Structure formats: C-alpha cells, structure tokens
Protein backbone atom coordinates (compact mmCIF):
# COMPACT_ATOMS: atom_id res chain seq x y z
CA ASP A 1 18.98 -60.25 -79.22
CA ILE A 2 22.72 -59.99 -79.69
CA TRP A 3 22.76 -62.35 -82.67
CA GLU A 4 20.82 -59.75 -84.63
CA VAL A 5 23.15 -56.95 -83.52
CA ILE A 6 26.25 -58.98 -84.39
CA ASP A 7 24.83 -59.84 -87.82
CA GLN A 8 24.11 -56.17 -88.61
CA THR A 9 27.52 -55.06 -87.38
CA VAL A 10 29.40 -57.80 -89.21
CA ASN A 11 27.71 -56.78 -92.47
CA ILE A 12 28.86 -53.18 -91.99
CA ILE A 13 32.41 -54.30 -91.17
CA ARG A 14 32.57 -56.67 -94.17
CA HIS A 15 31.49 -53.82 -96.45
CA ARG A 16 34.15 -51.46 -95.03
CA ALA A 17 36.86 -54.11 -95.33
CA SER A 18 35.98 -54.85 -98.97
CA LYS A 19 36.03 -51.12 -99.81
CA LYS A 20 39.60 -51.00 -98.47
CA GLY A 21 40.56 -54.08 -100.48
CA LEU A 22 41.06 -56.21 -97.37
CA GLU A 23 40.45 -59.93 -97.53
CA LEU A 24 38.79 -60.75 -94.25
CA LEU A 25 37.89 -64.07 -92.68
CA LEU A 26 35.28 -63.14 -90.11
CA ASN A 27 33.90 -66.01 -88.04
CA VAL A 28 31.03 -65.75 -85.57
CA SER A 29 30.79 -68.55 -83.05
CA PRO A 30 27.35 -70.19 -82.71
CA GLN A 31 28.01 -70.63 -78.96
CA ILE A 32 27.26 -66.97 -78.28
CA PRO A 33 24.31 -66.66 -75.87
CA ARG A 34 21.41 -64.96 -77.58
CA TYR A 35 20.24 -62.44 -74.96
CA ILE A 36 22.06 -60.05 -72.65
CA LEU A 37 20.88 -57.26 -70.39
CA LEU A 38 22.04 -54.31 -72.51
CA ASP A 39 20.35 -52.21 -75.14
CA SER A 40 21.20 -52.99 -78.74
CA VAL A 41 22.75 -49.57 -79.46
CA ARG A 42 25.34 -50.00 -76.70
CA PHE A 43 26.10 -53.59 -77.69
CA LYS A 44 26.49 -52.50 -81.32
CA GLN A 45 28.99 -49.82 -80.18
CA ILE A 46 31.02 -52.45 -78.34
CA ILE A 47 31.13 -54.91 -81.24
CA PHE A 48 31.67 -52.22 -83.88
CA LYS A 49 34.61 -50.65 -82.01
CA LEU A 50 36.25 -54.01 -81.31
CA LEU A 51 35.83 -55.19 -84.91
CA SER A 52 37.02 -51.85 -86.31
CA ASN A 53 40.18 -52.08 -84.22
CA ALA A 54 40.72 -55.68 -85.29
CA ILE A 55 40.50 -54.66 -88.94
CA LYS A 56 42.74 -51.65 -88.40
CA PHE A 57 45.52 -53.84 -87.05
CA THR A 58 45.18 -56.83 -89.38
CA ARG A 59 45.86 -54.75 -92.49
CA GLU A 60 49.48 -55.89 -92.63
CA ARG A 61 48.36 -59.51 -92.97
CA GLU A 62 47.65 -61.04 -96.33
CA ILE A 63 44.37 -62.27 -94.89
CA GLY A 64 42.92 -60.69 -91.76
CA GLU A 65 41.34 -63.27 -89.48
CA ILE A 66 38.81 -62.05 -86.94
CA GLU A 67 36.61 -64.15 -84.70
CA ILE A 68 33.69 -63.18 -82.49
CA GLY A 69 32.76 -65.77 -79.94
CA ALA A 70 31.94 -66.75 -76.40
CA GLN A 71 33.35 -69.20 -73.92
CA LYS A 72 32.40 -70.08 -70.38
CA ASP A 73 34.08 -68.62 -67.30
CA GLU A 74 34.82 -70.59 -64.12
CA ASN A 75 31.20 -70.08 -62.96
CA GLY A 76 29.69 -71.17 -66.28
CA GLY A 77 28.80 -67.63 -67.39
CA PRO A 78 29.64 -66.31 -70.85
CA VAL A 79 32.85 -64.48 -71.66
CA TYR A 80 32.56 -62.84 -75.08
CA TYR A 81 35.61 -62.17 -77.21
CA VAL A 82 36.85 -60.56 -80.39
CA ARG A 83 40.11 -62.12 -81.55
CA ASP A 84 42.36 -61.12 -84.44
CA ASN A 85 45.66 -62.06 -86.07
CA GLY A 86 46.89 -58.47 -86.22
CA ARG A 87 50.10 -56.83 -85.10
CA GLY A 88 49.45 -57.36 -81.39
CA ILE A 89 50.11 -55.06 -78.45
CA PRO A 90 53.26 -55.19 -76.32
CA ALA A 91 52.51 -56.22 -72.71
CA GLU A 92 53.52 -52.85 -71.26
CA TYR A 93 50.84 -51.08 -73.35
CA GLN A 94 47.91 -53.48 -72.99
CA GLU A 95 46.22 -51.53 -70.20
CA LYS A 96 47.06 -48.17 -71.77
CA VAL A 97 44.93 -48.83 -74.88
CA PHE A 98 41.77 -48.45 -72.77
CA GLY A 99 42.68 -44.94 -71.61
CA LEU A 100 40.83 -41.93 -72.99
CA PHE A 101 42.64 -40.38 -75.98
CA GLU A 102 45.39 -43.00 -75.79
CA ARG A 103 46.76 -44.11 -79.14
CA LEU A 104 49.68 -46.47 -79.51
CA HIS A 105 50.04 -46.03 -83.25
CA THR A 106 49.99 -42.63 -84.92
CA ASP A 107 50.10 -44.29 -88.35
CA ARG A 108 46.44 -45.33 -87.97
CA GLU A 109 43.25 -43.28 -87.99
CA GLY A 110 41.38 -42.86 -84.75
CA THR A 111 40.97 -40.58 -81.77
CA GLY A 112 41.77 -42.89 -78.87
CA ILE A 113 38.19 -42.78 -77.65
CA GLY A 114 36.88 -46.12 -78.98
CA LEU A 115 38.31 -48.60 -76.50
CA ALA A 116 37.80 -46.20 -73.58
CA LEU A 117 34.11 -46.03 -74.58
CA VAL A 118 33.92 -49.82 -74.83
CA ARG A 119 35.37 -50.20 -71.33
CA ARG A 120 33.00 -47.58 -69.92
CA ILE A 121 29.88 -49.22 -71.42
CA ILE A 122 30.88 -52.67 -70.19
CA GLU A 123 31.78 -51.53 -66.68
CA LEU A 124 28.64 -49.38 -66.32
CA HIS A 125 26.59 -52.49 -67.07
CA GLY A 126 28.37 -54.63 -64.49
CA GLY A 127 30.77 -56.34 -66.85
CA LYS A 128 34.52 -56.69 -67.07
CA LEU A 129 36.99 -56.17 -69.90
CA MET A 130 40.30 -58.01 -70.36
CA ILE A 131 42.92 -58.16 -73.07
CA GLU A 132 45.48 -60.73 -74.16
CA SER A 133 47.91 -59.90 -76.90
CA GLU A 134 51.17 -61.05 -78.37
CA VAL A 135 53.23 -58.97 -80.76
CA SER A 136 53.05 -60.29 -84.36
CA ILE A 137 50.50 -62.94 -83.32
CA GLY A 138 47.32 -60.98 -82.54
CA THR A 139 44.99 -59.70 -79.87
CA SER A 140 41.99 -61.08 -78.01
CA VAL A 141 39.66 -58.73 -76.16
CA TYR A 142 37.40 -60.50 -73.66
CA PHE A 143 34.37 -59.03 -71.91
CA THR A 144 31.52 -60.09 -69.69
CA LEU A 145 28.00 -58.71 -69.50
CA PRO A 146 25.01 -59.83 -67.44
CA LEU A 147 22.68 -62.28 -69.18
CA ALA A 148 19.03 -61.34 -69.45
CA THR A 149 16.60 -63.40 -67.37
CA ASP A 150 13.62 -65.13 -68.94
CA ALA A 151 11.32 -62.51 -67.36
CA GLU A 152 13.34 -59.66 -68.89
CA ILE A 153 13.32 -61.32 -72.31
CA THR A 154 9.53 -61.82 -72.11
CA HIS A 155 8.99 -58.20 -70.96
CA THR A 156 11.13 -56.86 -73.83
CA SER A 157 9.33 -59.04 -76.38
CA HIS A 158 5.92 -57.81 -75.16
CA ALA A 159 7.10 -54.18 -75.21
CA ARG A 160 8.28 -54.55 -78.83
CA ALA A 161 4.99 -56.17 -79.84
CA ALA A 162 3.07 -53.26 -78.30
CA GLU A 163 5.00 -50.77 -80.43
C-alpha cells in the first residue's frame, strides 16, 4: 500500500524541514495508484531519497514547493513523480546525478549514493527512471514500477493477516 508508505515518509520529511526552518508546501496527488509490486522498505527508500533531494535544493526558495503524484503513460500505466521548485539541474548534468558517488554541488550534504540507489531499486524491479529539469525553475523525477495484480494484493493481505 504505497499511500501508507508515502504518508509515513511525508511526515518524516515535514518534521525534518520544520527543524531546519524551511517552509514547505508538500502536495500528494490523490491520483496515485494504491498498490505496486514492491516491498514497502524499498518504496520508502525511493520516496525518502527523492523528497530529501527536493528539500535540499529548494532551500534557496522562500517557500519550497514539492509535489508527489502520478500521471498516465501512453499505455495508461502510472508514471510516478516527485517535482520541486528548486535550483534545477543543467541539461548536461541530468544523467550524471544518477551515477554512484556523483555530486553536482559540494555545498550540500550527501554522499552521491542516494539517486544511484533509487535508480538501482527501480530498474531491478522492472521500472524506469527519467528526469526533467530547468535551472532556476525546478526538477521533476519520473519513475515507473509494475502495478500489483488483484491476486498479489489478496495474497499479501492474507499473509499479513496470518502474522
């Protein structure tokens, strides 16, 4: 249930932002499909890393605006996104940010592992990761993941009930 994971992660992110004195407008789209075929720990890693980066690079704004949502691809499947109004990434570096230990900005904390981990998790689960960014406007990170079938949702629900 990704709604539950997003809710937990958003609460953590809101708390961190308020501790840093950041005013954050964080919107979660109700169009997000509820179930995907991925364990909650991995999905939480994806969302946490993407939201953490969004916060990191919206600090210069008076109000950081971050949105988590989903839209449909050309086949009607979900494309999830995390969008911000941060500093943006120049076109020549947009692929580089997903490399292991790659950091574009040395004035920010981080190891350069986060986005590489996000890409690895998504690709290992049959998904794709894309980025769109414009300097001084913001960044949108899009990703796909397989949806869970009704049978898989039922099996998972029964397994949880048995615990």
